[in-house]
Each structure stands twice: as C-alpha cells, then as structure tokens.
C-alpha cells in the first residue's frame, strides 16, 4: 500500500489541460468570455494565446506549466480564500501559484471588474 499523496503533490502532478475546460465552463456559465479568461491567464503567467495553446497541447502538469510561466510581479496582491485556503499564506510556491490562478478565475466568474482582477486599482 502506497502512502497518500499530499495536496501539494497532487497539484504538481495535475495536468493543466484537464483543469482548463473547467475554468472555461465556470466563467462561461456566468456570462464571461474565453477571451477574458485568456487575458487573466496571460496577466498571471505571461502566456499569450499561442503559448497557452502549446501548454495545453503538451499536456503539461501544473508544475511544468508554472516552471515555464513568468509570474506577474503583482501576483502577490492576490489575496483571499479559494478552495478553503488563504492564498497569501500558502507555503508551497507551486500550490500558491495554482491557487492564484483559481482565485483569478473565481473572481472573473463572480463578475468582478477586469481592472480589479488584474490588480490595476
């Protein structure tokens, strides 16, 4: 019997391409556009549409996805609770980055103003 994987290990091994359709579904159900989702992803990671598509095609894990990303210098301004975790206090850097993305997608789905989501206020 193998030991259970930690939350951080599960996130590291999770394929970004398997989560991406859930992001799309979540924001579209709330009347937001895929273009807005891509804008949020690009703001956080630096991936333009072409680079984002490449990560999806390559089936990158979250670990590899964020290794390639250039995190926005204002990412530290993302605060609050997502999935039961306060993002600003997460100790594992990879888990924190993944939760930053989750938080931004959640804010987009909740109808927040794009300027506020992108921490431009």
Protein backbone atom coordinates (compact mmCIF):
# COMPACT_ATOMS: atom_id res chain seq x y z
CA UNK A 1 0.00 0.00 0.00
CA UNK A 2 1.47 3.36 -1.02
CA UNK A 3 1.21 6.43 1.19
CA UNK A 4 -1.39 9.02 0.25
CA UNK A 5 -0.10 11.91 -1.79
CA UNK A 6 -0.10 15.32 -0.20
CA UNK A 7 -2.25 18.14 -1.52
CA UNK A 8 0.89 19.82 -2.91
CA UNK A 9 1.96 16.65 -4.74
CA UNK A 10 -1.49 16.25 -6.28
CA UNK A 11 -1.42 19.80 -7.62
CA UNK A 12 2.11 19.34 -9.01
CA UNK A 13 1.05 16.24 -10.95
CA UNK A 14 -2.32 17.56 -12.14
CA UNK A 15 -2.43 18.31 -15.86
CA UNK A 16 -3.26 21.91 -16.64
CA UNK A 17 -5.17 20.75 -19.73
CA UNK A 18 -7.50 18.69 -17.53
CA UNK A 19 -8.44 21.72 -15.42
CA UNK A 20 -8.63 24.30 -18.22
CA UNK A 21 -12.05 23.12 -19.53
CA UNK A 22 -13.43 23.57 -16.00
CA UNK A 23 -12.18 27.15 -15.97
CA UNK A 24 -13.87 27.76 -19.34
CA UNK A 25 -17.13 26.20 -18.19
CA UNK A 26 -17.14 28.13 -14.92
CA UNK A 27 -16.66 31.55 -16.49
CA UNK A 28 -18.97 30.96 -19.46
CA UNK A 29 -21.83 29.87 -17.15
CA UNK A 30 -21.52 33.27 -15.52
CA UNK A 31 -21.54 35.20 -18.79
CA UNK A 32 -17.82 35.89 -19.07
CA UNK A 33 -15.83 35.20 -22.22
CA UNK A 34 -12.97 32.88 -23.04
CA UNK A 35 -11.05 35.96 -24.20
CA UNK A 36 -11.35 37.38 -20.68
CA UNK A 37 -10.12 34.07 -19.26
CA UNK A 38 -7.13 34.18 -21.58
CA UNK A 39 -6.44 37.76 -20.53
CA UNK A 40 -6.39 36.68 -16.87
CA UNK A 41 -4.12 33.70 -17.61
CA UNK A 42 -1.76 35.88 -19.64
CA UNK A 43 -1.63 38.51 -16.89
CA UNK A 44 -0.66 35.92 -14.28
CA UNK A 45 1.64 33.69 -16.33
CA UNK A 46 2.85 35.71 -19.31
CA UNK A 47 1.45 33.08 -21.70
CA UNK A 48 -0.14 34.65 -24.77
CA UNK A 49 -2.73 32.62 -26.67
CA UNK A 50 -0.12 30.77 -28.74
CA UNK A 51 1.97 29.84 -25.70
CA UNK A 52 -1.14 28.85 -23.76
CA UNK A 53 -2.26 26.56 -26.58
CA UNK A 54 1.18 24.97 -26.61
CA UNK A 55 0.95 24.18 -22.89
CA UNK A 56 -2.46 22.61 -23.47
CA UNK A 57 -1.22 20.57 -26.42
CA UNK A 58 1.80 19.33 -24.47
CA UNK A 59 -0.39 18.22 -21.55
CA UNK A 60 1.87 19.95 -19.04
CA UNK A 61 1.47 19.33 -15.35
CA UNK A 62 0.86 22.35 -13.15
CA UNK A 63 4.46 22.00 -12.02
CA UNK A 64 5.81 22.29 -15.58
CA UNK A 65 3.19 24.90 -16.51
CA UNK A 66 4.37 27.23 -13.75
CA UNK A 67 8.06 26.44 -14.37
CA UNK A 68 7.59 27.93 -17.85
CA UNK A 69 5.48 30.83 -16.66
CA UNK A 70 6.76 34.27 -15.82
CA UNK A 71 4.62 35.18 -12.84
CA UNK A 72 3.28 38.72 -12.86
CA UNK A 73 5.13 40.98 -10.43
CA UNK A 74 1.80 41.93 -8.86
CA UNK A 75 0.68 38.35 -8.22
CA UNK A 76 1.43 38.87 -4.53
CA UNK A 77 -1.55 41.24 -4.46
CA UNK A 78 -3.89 38.28 -4.97
CA UNK A 79 -5.39 37.58 -1.57
CA UNK A 80 -8.36 35.81 -0.11
CA UNK A 81 -9.73 32.32 0.29
CA UNK A 82 -10.10 29.81 -2.52
CA UNK A 83 -10.86 26.11 -2.09
CA UNK A 84 -10.62 26.61 1.66
CA UNK A 85 -7.10 28.02 1.55
CA UNK A 86 -5.96 31.59 2.19
CA UNK A 87 -3.74 32.08 -0.87
CA UNK A 88 -1.40 34.63 0.65
CA UNK A 89 -0.37 32.25 3.44
CA UNK A 90 0.28 29.10 1.40
CA UNK A 91 3.83 27.92 1.99
CA UNK A 92 4.35 25.77 -1.10
CA UNK A 93 5.17 28.13 -4.01
CA UNK A 94 3.63 25.89 -6.67
CA UNK A 95 0.41 25.40 -4.74
CA UNK A 96 0.24 29.14 -4.17
CA UNK A 97 0.62 29.86 -7.89
CA UNK A 98 -2.09 27.33 -8.77
CA UNK A 99 -4.40 28.88 -6.17
CA UNK A 100 -3.63 32.36 -7.52
CA UNK A 101 -4.97 31.17 -10.86
CA UNK A 102 -8.00 29.58 -9.22
CA UNK A 103 -8.69 32.82 -7.35
CA UNK A 104 -8.49 34.93 -10.51
CA UNK A 105 -10.84 32.57 -12.37
CA UNK A 106 -13.23 32.70 -9.42
CA UNK A 107 -13.18 36.50 -9.41
CA UNK A 108 -13.84 36.52 -13.15
CA UNK A 109 -16.79 34.16 -12.72
CA UNK A 110 -18.17 36.32 -9.90
CA UNK A 111 -18.37 39.27 -12.28
CA UNK A 112 -15.59 41.38 -10.87
CA UNK A 113 -14.30 44.21 -13.00
CA UNK A 114 -11.32 43.17 -15.12
CA UNK A 115 -9.26 46.12 -13.90
CA UNK A 116 -9.71 44.93 -10.33
CA UNK A 117 -8.99 41.28 -11.21
CA UNK A 118 -5.71 42.34 -12.83
CA UNK A 119 -4.80 44.34 -9.73
CA UNK A 120 -4.73 47.64 -11.61
CA UNK A 121 -6.58 49.65 -8.98
